[in-house]
N, C-alpha and C. Protein backbone atom coordinates (compact mmCIF):
# COMPACT_ATOMS: atom_id res chain seq x y z
N MET A 1 15.77 -49.22 25.04
CA MET A 1 16.45 -49.39 26.31
C MET A 1 15.41 -49.58 27.42
N VAL A 2 15.61 -50.58 28.21
CA VAL A 2 14.74 -50.84 29.36
C VAL A 2 15.43 -50.29 30.60
N LYS A 3 14.68 -49.49 31.35
CA LYS A 3 15.19 -48.96 32.62
C LYS A 3 14.25 -49.39 33.73
N TYR A 4 14.82 -49.50 34.93
CA TYR A 4 14.09 -50.00 36.09
C TYR A 4 14.08 -48.95 37.19
N PHE A 5 12.91 -48.81 37.84
CA PHE A 5 12.74 -47.84 38.92
C PHE A 5 11.86 -48.45 40.00
N THR A 6 11.84 -47.81 41.16
CA THR A 6 10.91 -48.20 42.23
C THR A 6 10.20 -46.96 42.74
N GLU A 7 8.98 -47.17 43.20
CA GLU A 7 8.17 -46.13 43.83
C GLU A 7 7.45 -46.75 45.02
N ASP A 8 7.66 -46.21 46.20
CA ASP A 8 6.93 -46.62 47.40
C ASP A 8 7.17 -48.08 47.77
N VAL A 9 8.33 -48.62 47.37
CA VAL A 9 8.64 -50.00 47.70
C VAL A 9 10.16 -50.20 47.57
N ARG A 10 10.70 -51.04 48.43
CA ARG A 10 12.12 -51.41 48.30
C ARG A 10 12.14 -52.75 47.58
N PHE A 11 12.73 -52.76 46.41
CA PHE A 11 12.75 -53.98 45.63
C PHE A 11 14.02 -54.04 44.80
N PRO A 12 15.00 -54.82 45.25
CA PRO A 12 16.25 -54.95 44.49
C PRO A 12 16.06 -55.98 43.37
N PHE A 13 15.83 -55.51 42.18
CA PHE A 13 15.61 -56.39 41.02
C PHE A 13 16.96 -56.84 40.48
N LYS A 14 17.21 -58.15 40.50
CA LYS A 14 18.52 -58.67 40.17
C LYS A 14 18.66 -59.21 38.74
N LYS A 15 17.56 -59.21 37.98
CA LYS A 15 17.61 -59.80 36.64
C LYS A 15 17.51 -58.73 35.54
N LYS A 16 18.08 -57.58 35.77
CA LYS A 16 17.92 -56.48 34.81
C LYS A 16 18.40 -56.84 33.41
N LEU A 17 19.60 -57.32 33.29
CA LEU A 17 20.14 -57.63 31.98
C LEU A 17 19.41 -58.77 31.28
N PRO A 18 19.19 -59.91 31.96
CA PRO A 18 18.47 -60.99 31.27
C PRO A 18 17.06 -60.59 30.84
N VAL A 19 16.35 -59.84 31.68
CA VAL A 19 14.99 -59.42 31.32
C VAL A 19 15.05 -58.44 30.15
N ARG A 20 16.01 -57.55 30.16
CA ARG A 20 16.18 -56.60 29.05
C ARG A 20 16.39 -57.37 27.74
N ARG A 21 17.24 -58.38 27.77
CA ARG A 21 17.50 -59.19 26.57
C ARG A 21 16.25 -59.97 26.15
N TRP A 22 15.53 -60.49 27.12
CA TRP A 22 14.31 -61.25 26.85
C TRP A 22 13.26 -60.35 26.20
N LEU A 23 13.07 -59.15 26.74
CA LEU A 23 12.08 -58.24 26.18
C LEU A 23 12.47 -57.80 24.76
N ARG A 24 13.76 -57.61 24.52
CA ARG A 24 14.21 -57.29 23.16
C ARG A 24 13.87 -58.44 22.22
N PHE A 25 14.09 -59.68 22.69
CA PHE A 25 13.75 -60.86 21.90
C PHE A 25 12.25 -60.91 21.60
N VAL A 26 11.42 -60.67 22.62
CA VAL A 26 9.96 -60.68 22.43
C VAL A 26 9.57 -59.62 21.40
N ALA A 27 10.09 -58.41 21.54
CA ALA A 27 9.77 -57.32 20.61
C ALA A 27 10.15 -57.73 19.18
N GLU A 28 11.36 -58.23 19.00
CA GLU A 28 11.82 -58.61 17.66
C GLU A 28 11.01 -59.77 17.09
N SER A 29 10.58 -60.69 17.95
CA SER A 29 9.75 -61.81 17.50
C SER A 29 8.39 -61.33 17.01
N GLU A 30 7.94 -60.20 17.51
CA GLU A 30 6.65 -59.62 17.12
C GLU A 30 6.84 -58.51 16.08
N VAL A 31 8.01 -58.50 15.44
CA VAL A 31 8.35 -57.53 14.40
C VAL A 31 8.22 -56.10 14.92
N ARG A 32 8.80 -55.88 16.08
CA ARG A 32 8.84 -54.56 16.70
C ARG A 32 10.28 -54.30 17.15
N ARG A 33 10.51 -53.06 17.54
CA ARG A 33 11.83 -52.70 18.07
C ARG A 33 11.62 -52.13 19.46
N LEU A 34 12.48 -52.52 20.37
CA LEU A 34 12.39 -52.05 21.75
C LEU A 34 12.94 -50.64 21.85
N GLY A 35 12.09 -49.72 22.27
CA GLY A 35 12.50 -48.34 22.48
C GLY A 35 12.69 -48.08 23.96
N ALA A 36 12.19 -46.96 24.44
CA ALA A 36 12.31 -46.58 25.84
C ALA A 36 11.16 -47.20 26.64
N VAL A 37 11.48 -48.26 27.36
CA VAL A 37 10.50 -48.93 28.22
C VAL A 37 10.98 -48.81 29.65
N ASN A 38 10.15 -48.21 30.49
CA ASN A 38 10.44 -48.06 31.91
C ASN A 38 9.60 -49.05 32.69
N ILE A 39 10.25 -49.83 33.53
CA ILE A 39 9.55 -50.76 34.43
C ILE A 39 9.68 -50.18 35.83
N ILE A 40 8.53 -49.83 36.39
CA ILE A 40 8.50 -49.19 37.69
C ILE A 40 7.83 -50.14 38.68
N PHE A 41 8.61 -50.66 39.61
CA PHE A 41 8.08 -51.54 40.65
C PHE A 41 7.54 -50.66 41.77
N CYS A 42 6.32 -50.98 42.23
CA CYS A 42 5.69 -50.12 43.24
C CYS A 42 4.81 -50.95 44.17
N SER A 43 4.17 -50.28 45.10
CA SER A 43 3.28 -50.93 46.07
C SER A 43 1.86 -50.97 45.53
N ASP A 44 1.04 -51.80 46.16
CA ASP A 44 -0.39 -51.86 45.82
C ASP A 44 -1.03 -50.48 45.90
N HIS A 45 -0.76 -49.77 46.98
CA HIS A 45 -1.43 -48.48 47.19
C HIS A 45 -0.97 -47.43 46.19
N TYR A 46 0.29 -47.46 45.82
CA TYR A 46 0.79 -46.53 44.81
C TYR A 46 0.08 -46.79 43.48
N LEU A 47 -0.04 -48.07 43.12
CA LEU A 47 -0.69 -48.42 41.85
C LEU A 47 -2.19 -48.15 41.90
N LEU A 48 -2.81 -48.37 43.04
CA LEU A 48 -4.24 -48.05 43.19
C LEU A 48 -4.46 -46.56 42.97
N ASP A 49 -3.63 -45.72 43.57
CA ASP A 49 -3.75 -44.28 43.36
C ASP A 49 -3.63 -43.92 41.88
N MET A 50 -2.71 -44.55 41.18
CA MET A 50 -2.56 -44.29 39.74
C MET A 50 -3.78 -44.78 38.97
N ASN A 51 -4.29 -45.94 39.36
CA ASN A 51 -5.45 -46.51 38.68
C ASN A 51 -6.65 -45.57 38.80
N VAL A 52 -6.84 -45.01 39.98
CA VAL A 52 -7.96 -44.07 40.20
C VAL A 52 -7.71 -42.77 39.44
N LYS A 53 -6.51 -42.22 39.61
CA LYS A 53 -6.20 -40.90 39.04
C LYS A 53 -6.20 -40.90 37.51
N TYR A 54 -5.57 -41.89 36.89
CA TYR A 54 -5.38 -41.85 35.44
C TYR A 54 -6.39 -42.67 34.65
N LEU A 55 -6.96 -43.71 35.28
CA LEU A 55 -7.87 -44.58 34.54
C LEU A 55 -9.29 -44.57 35.08
N GLY A 56 -9.50 -43.96 36.25
CA GLY A 56 -10.83 -43.91 36.83
C GLY A 56 -11.30 -45.25 37.37
N HIS A 57 -10.37 -46.15 37.66
CA HIS A 57 -10.71 -47.48 38.19
C HIS A 57 -10.32 -47.53 39.66
N ASP A 58 -11.30 -47.81 40.53
CA ASP A 58 -11.04 -47.85 41.97
C ASP A 58 -10.88 -49.30 42.43
N TYR A 59 -9.82 -49.95 41.93
CA TYR A 59 -9.52 -51.30 42.36
C TYR A 59 -8.03 -51.58 42.18
N PHE A 60 -7.56 -52.58 42.94
CA PHE A 60 -6.16 -52.99 42.85
C PHE A 60 -5.93 -53.76 41.55
N THR A 61 -4.73 -53.67 41.06
CA THR A 61 -4.32 -54.42 39.87
C THR A 61 -2.83 -54.72 39.99
N ASP A 62 -2.34 -55.62 39.16
CA ASP A 62 -0.92 -55.96 39.23
C ASP A 62 -0.07 -55.12 38.29
N ILE A 63 -0.68 -54.56 37.24
CA ILE A 63 0.08 -53.75 36.29
C ILE A 63 -0.81 -52.72 35.63
N ILE A 64 -0.22 -51.57 35.37
CA ILE A 64 -0.83 -50.55 34.51
C ILE A 64 0.23 -50.21 33.47
N THR A 65 -0.19 -50.22 32.22
CA THR A 65 0.72 -49.95 31.11
C THR A 65 0.34 -48.63 30.45
N PHE A 66 1.30 -47.74 30.34
CA PHE A 66 1.11 -46.48 29.62
C PHE A 66 1.88 -46.60 28.31
N ASP A 67 1.17 -46.48 27.22
CA ASP A 67 1.70 -46.72 25.87
C ASP A 67 2.14 -45.42 25.23
N TYR A 68 3.43 -45.35 24.88
CA TYR A 68 3.98 -44.20 24.16
C TYR A 68 4.60 -44.65 22.84
N CYS A 69 4.12 -45.75 22.30
CA CYS A 69 4.71 -46.33 21.09
C CYS A 69 4.51 -45.41 19.89
N GLU A 70 5.50 -45.48 19.02
CA GLU A 70 5.43 -44.79 17.74
C GLU A 70 5.79 -45.78 16.65
N GLY A 71 4.80 -46.08 15.83
CA GLY A 71 5.02 -47.07 14.77
C GLY A 71 5.37 -48.41 15.36
N LYS A 72 6.47 -48.96 14.92
CA LYS A 72 6.90 -50.29 15.38
C LYS A 72 7.88 -50.22 16.54
N VAL A 73 8.10 -49.01 17.08
CA VAL A 73 9.03 -48.84 18.21
C VAL A 73 8.21 -48.87 19.50
N LEU A 74 8.52 -49.81 20.37
CA LEU A 74 7.80 -49.98 21.64
C LEU A 74 8.38 -49.07 22.70
N SER A 75 7.54 -48.21 23.22
CA SER A 75 7.93 -47.32 24.32
C SER A 75 6.75 -47.20 25.27
N GLY A 76 7.06 -47.15 26.56
CA GLY A 76 5.99 -47.01 27.54
C GLY A 76 6.49 -47.20 28.95
N ASP A 77 5.55 -47.02 29.87
CA ASP A 77 5.82 -47.22 31.29
C ASP A 77 5.00 -48.40 31.77
N LEU A 78 5.66 -49.34 32.42
CA LEU A 78 4.99 -50.50 33.02
C LEU A 78 5.08 -50.34 34.53
N PHE A 79 3.98 -49.98 35.17
CA PHE A 79 3.92 -49.86 36.63
C PHE A 79 3.44 -51.19 37.17
N ILE A 80 4.26 -51.84 37.99
CA ILE A 80 3.98 -53.19 38.48
C ILE A 80 3.94 -53.19 40.00
N SER A 81 2.81 -53.67 40.55
CA SER A 81 2.68 -53.80 41.99
C SER A 81 3.35 -55.08 42.47
N ILE A 82 4.42 -54.92 43.21
CA ILE A 82 5.12 -56.08 43.78
C ILE A 82 4.20 -56.82 44.75
N ASP A 83 3.37 -56.08 45.50
CA ASP A 83 2.43 -56.70 46.44
C ASP A 83 1.47 -57.64 45.70
N SER A 84 0.88 -57.16 44.60
CA SER A 84 -0.07 -57.97 43.84
C SER A 84 0.61 -59.16 43.17
N VAL A 85 1.83 -58.97 42.69
CA VAL A 85 2.56 -60.08 42.08
C VAL A 85 2.78 -61.18 43.12
N ARG A 86 3.15 -60.79 44.35
CA ARG A 86 3.34 -61.80 45.42
C ARG A 86 2.04 -62.54 45.71
N GLU A 87 0.95 -61.79 45.81
CA GLU A 87 -0.36 -62.41 46.09
C GLU A 87 -0.78 -63.34 44.95
N ASN A 88 -0.60 -62.88 43.72
CA ASN A 88 -0.97 -63.71 42.57
C ASN A 88 -0.13 -64.98 42.50
N ALA A 89 1.15 -64.87 42.79
CA ALA A 89 2.02 -66.05 42.77
C ALA A 89 1.51 -67.09 43.77
N ALA A 90 1.18 -66.65 44.97
CA ALA A 90 0.66 -67.57 45.99
C ALA A 90 -0.69 -68.16 45.55
N HIS A 91 -1.54 -67.32 45.00
CA HIS A 91 -2.88 -67.75 44.57
C HIS A 91 -2.81 -68.80 43.46
N TYR A 92 -1.91 -68.60 42.50
CA TYR A 92 -1.81 -69.50 41.35
C TYR A 92 -0.78 -70.61 41.52
N GLY A 93 -0.10 -70.63 42.66
CA GLY A 93 0.90 -71.66 42.91
C GLY A 93 2.13 -71.52 42.04
N ALA A 94 2.45 -70.29 41.71
CA ALA A 94 3.63 -70.01 40.88
C ALA A 94 4.72 -69.41 41.76
N SER A 95 5.93 -69.44 41.27
CA SER A 95 6.99 -68.76 42.00
C SER A 95 6.83 -67.25 41.79
N PHE A 96 7.36 -66.48 42.72
CA PHE A 96 7.31 -65.03 42.59
C PHE A 96 8.00 -64.59 41.29
N GLU A 97 9.15 -65.19 40.97
CA GLU A 97 9.92 -64.82 39.78
C GLU A 97 9.14 -65.10 38.51
N ASP A 98 8.47 -66.26 38.44
CA ASP A 98 7.67 -66.58 37.26
C ASP A 98 6.50 -65.63 37.11
N GLU A 99 5.85 -65.33 38.21
CA GLU A 99 4.70 -64.42 38.14
C GLU A 99 5.15 -63.01 37.75
N LEU A 100 6.28 -62.57 38.28
CA LEU A 100 6.79 -61.25 37.91
C LEU A 100 7.13 -61.21 36.42
N ASP A 101 7.78 -62.24 35.92
CA ASP A 101 8.09 -62.28 34.49
C ASP A 101 6.81 -62.29 33.65
N ARG A 102 5.78 -63.00 34.11
CA ARG A 102 4.50 -63.03 33.39
C ARG A 102 3.92 -61.62 33.31
N VAL A 103 3.94 -60.90 34.41
CA VAL A 103 3.37 -59.55 34.43
C VAL A 103 4.20 -58.61 33.54
N ILE A 104 5.51 -58.75 33.58
CA ILE A 104 6.37 -57.90 32.74
C ILE A 104 6.07 -58.14 31.26
N VAL A 105 6.03 -59.41 30.84
CA VAL A 105 5.77 -59.68 29.42
C VAL A 105 4.34 -59.31 29.06
N HIS A 106 3.42 -59.41 30.00
CA HIS A 106 2.03 -58.99 29.77
C HIS A 106 2.01 -57.51 29.39
N GLY A 107 2.74 -56.70 30.15
CA GLY A 107 2.80 -55.27 29.85
C GLY A 107 3.41 -55.01 28.48
N LEU A 108 4.48 -55.72 28.14
CA LEU A 108 5.09 -55.54 26.83
C LEU A 108 4.13 -55.95 25.72
N LEU A 109 3.38 -57.03 25.94
CA LEU A 109 2.40 -57.47 24.95
C LEU A 109 1.33 -56.40 24.73
N HIS A 110 0.95 -55.70 25.79
CA HIS A 110 0.02 -54.57 25.61
C HIS A 110 0.64 -53.51 24.70
N LEU A 111 1.92 -53.21 24.90
CA LEU A 111 2.58 -52.22 24.05
C LEU A 111 2.63 -52.69 22.59
N ILE A 112 2.73 -53.98 22.39
CA ILE A 112 2.76 -54.55 21.04
C ILE A 112 1.40 -54.42 20.38
N GLY A 113 0.34 -54.39 21.20
CA GLY A 113 -1.00 -54.23 20.64
C GLY A 113 -1.99 -55.29 21.07
N TYR A 114 -1.56 -56.24 21.87
CA TYR A 114 -2.49 -57.25 22.37
C TYR A 114 -3.33 -56.66 23.49
N ASP A 115 -4.58 -57.10 23.56
CA ASP A 115 -5.47 -56.62 24.60
C ASP A 115 -6.05 -57.80 25.36
N ASP A 116 -6.79 -57.52 26.42
CA ASP A 116 -7.35 -58.61 27.23
C ASP A 116 -8.72 -58.25 27.78
N HIS A 117 -9.54 -57.59 26.96
CA HIS A 117 -10.87 -57.19 27.41
C HIS A 117 -11.91 -58.30 27.23
N THR A 118 -11.79 -59.07 26.15
CA THR A 118 -12.76 -60.13 25.88
C THR A 118 -12.15 -61.49 26.24
N PRO A 119 -12.98 -62.52 26.39
CA PRO A 119 -12.43 -63.86 26.65
C PRO A 119 -11.46 -64.32 25.55
N GLU A 120 -11.76 -64.00 24.30
CA GLU A 120 -10.88 -64.39 23.20
C GLU A 120 -9.53 -63.68 23.31
N GLU A 121 -9.56 -62.38 23.61
CA GLU A 121 -8.31 -61.62 23.78
C GLU A 121 -7.52 -62.14 24.98
N GLN A 122 -8.22 -62.46 26.05
CA GLN A 122 -7.55 -62.99 27.24
C GLN A 122 -6.87 -64.31 26.93
N SER A 123 -7.54 -65.15 26.15
CA SER A 123 -6.97 -66.44 25.77
C SER A 123 -5.72 -66.24 24.90
N GLN A 124 -5.79 -65.32 23.94
CA GLN A 124 -4.64 -65.04 23.09
C GLN A 124 -3.48 -64.46 23.91
N MET A 125 -3.81 -63.55 24.84
CA MET A 125 -2.77 -62.94 25.68
C MET A 125 -2.09 -64.01 26.53
N ARG A 126 -2.88 -64.88 27.13
CA ARG A 126 -2.31 -65.93 27.98
C ARG A 126 -1.43 -66.88 27.17
N ALA A 127 -1.85 -67.20 25.96
CA ALA A 127 -1.05 -68.07 25.09
C ALA A 127 0.29 -67.41 24.75
N LYS A 128 0.26 -66.11 24.45
CA LYS A 128 1.50 -65.39 24.14
C LYS A 128 2.40 -65.33 25.37
N GLU A 129 1.81 -65.05 26.54
CA GLU A 129 2.60 -65.02 27.78
C GLU A 129 3.29 -66.37 27.99
N ASN A 130 2.53 -67.44 27.88
CA ASN A 130 3.08 -68.78 28.10
C ASN A 130 4.18 -69.10 27.10
N TYR A 131 3.97 -68.72 25.84
CA TYR A 131 4.96 -68.97 24.81
C TYR A 131 6.28 -68.27 25.14
N TYR A 132 6.21 -66.97 25.43
CA TYR A 132 7.44 -66.23 25.71
C TYR A 132 8.06 -66.61 27.05
N LEU A 133 7.25 -66.99 28.02
CA LEU A 133 7.80 -67.49 29.28
C LEU A 133 8.58 -68.79 29.03
N SER A 134 8.09 -69.62 28.13
CA SER A 134 8.76 -70.89 27.85
C SER A 134 10.11 -70.68 27.18
N LEU A 135 10.32 -69.53 26.57
CA LEU A 135 11.58 -69.25 25.87
C LEU A 135 12.61 -68.55 26.74
N ARG A 136 12.25 -68.21 27.97
CA ARG A 136 13.21 -67.54 28.85
C ARG A 136 14.52 -68.30 29.02
N PRO A 137 14.52 -69.61 29.25
CA PRO A 137 15.81 -70.29 29.45
C PRO A 137 16.74 -70.13 28.26
N VAL A 138 16.22 -70.13 27.06
CA VAL A 138 17.03 -69.99 25.86
C VAL A 138 17.59 -68.57 25.78
N VAL A 139 16.73 -67.58 25.98
CA VAL A 139 17.15 -66.18 25.87
C VAL A 139 18.06 -65.77 27.03
N PHE A 140 17.75 -66.22 28.23
CA PHE A 140 18.52 -65.84 29.41
C PHE A 140 19.95 -66.40 29.38
N THR A 141 20.17 -67.51 28.68
CA THR A 141 21.48 -68.13 28.71
C THR A 141 22.30 -67.88 27.44
N ASP A 142 21.71 -67.27 26.44
CA ASP A 142 22.47 -66.97 25.20
C ASP A 142 23.52 -65.92 25.43
C-alpha cells in the first residue's frame, strides 16, 4: 500500500491512485511486491535537516529513501523535496509532473536494489527511470 504525507509544505497531490498503480506495476515488473511505501512530500529545509541528521550529508537533495524491505516485499519511506523537484524540472526543461514522477520511481528503484554511486550505476538507474516513465500512459489509463 502506498500512502502519501506532507511535512513542512502544502502540496495537494492529485495523482495518488494512478501513481499507486504505476508503482505496483514497476514492483511487479522487477519481480517484487509492493508493501508499505510512504511518500512524504516536504520542503528543501526539512529534507536537508534529515540528510544531516540521518545520513551525515550537509547538502540539499531531491529525495532520501529509507529502506525497510523484507525479501521481495518493497517497504520504505520516500522523502521528496518539492522545492528541489521544481528546481530540477526548470533546470532540465522538464515539466514538474514528469520530474516528480522521475524522483518517485527513482526512490522505488532504490528499494528494489538499484544504486547510483558509480557512473555505471547512474546510467543503469537513468535507463530504468526512463523505461518506467515511458510506460506511465499505459499504466495510468488501464
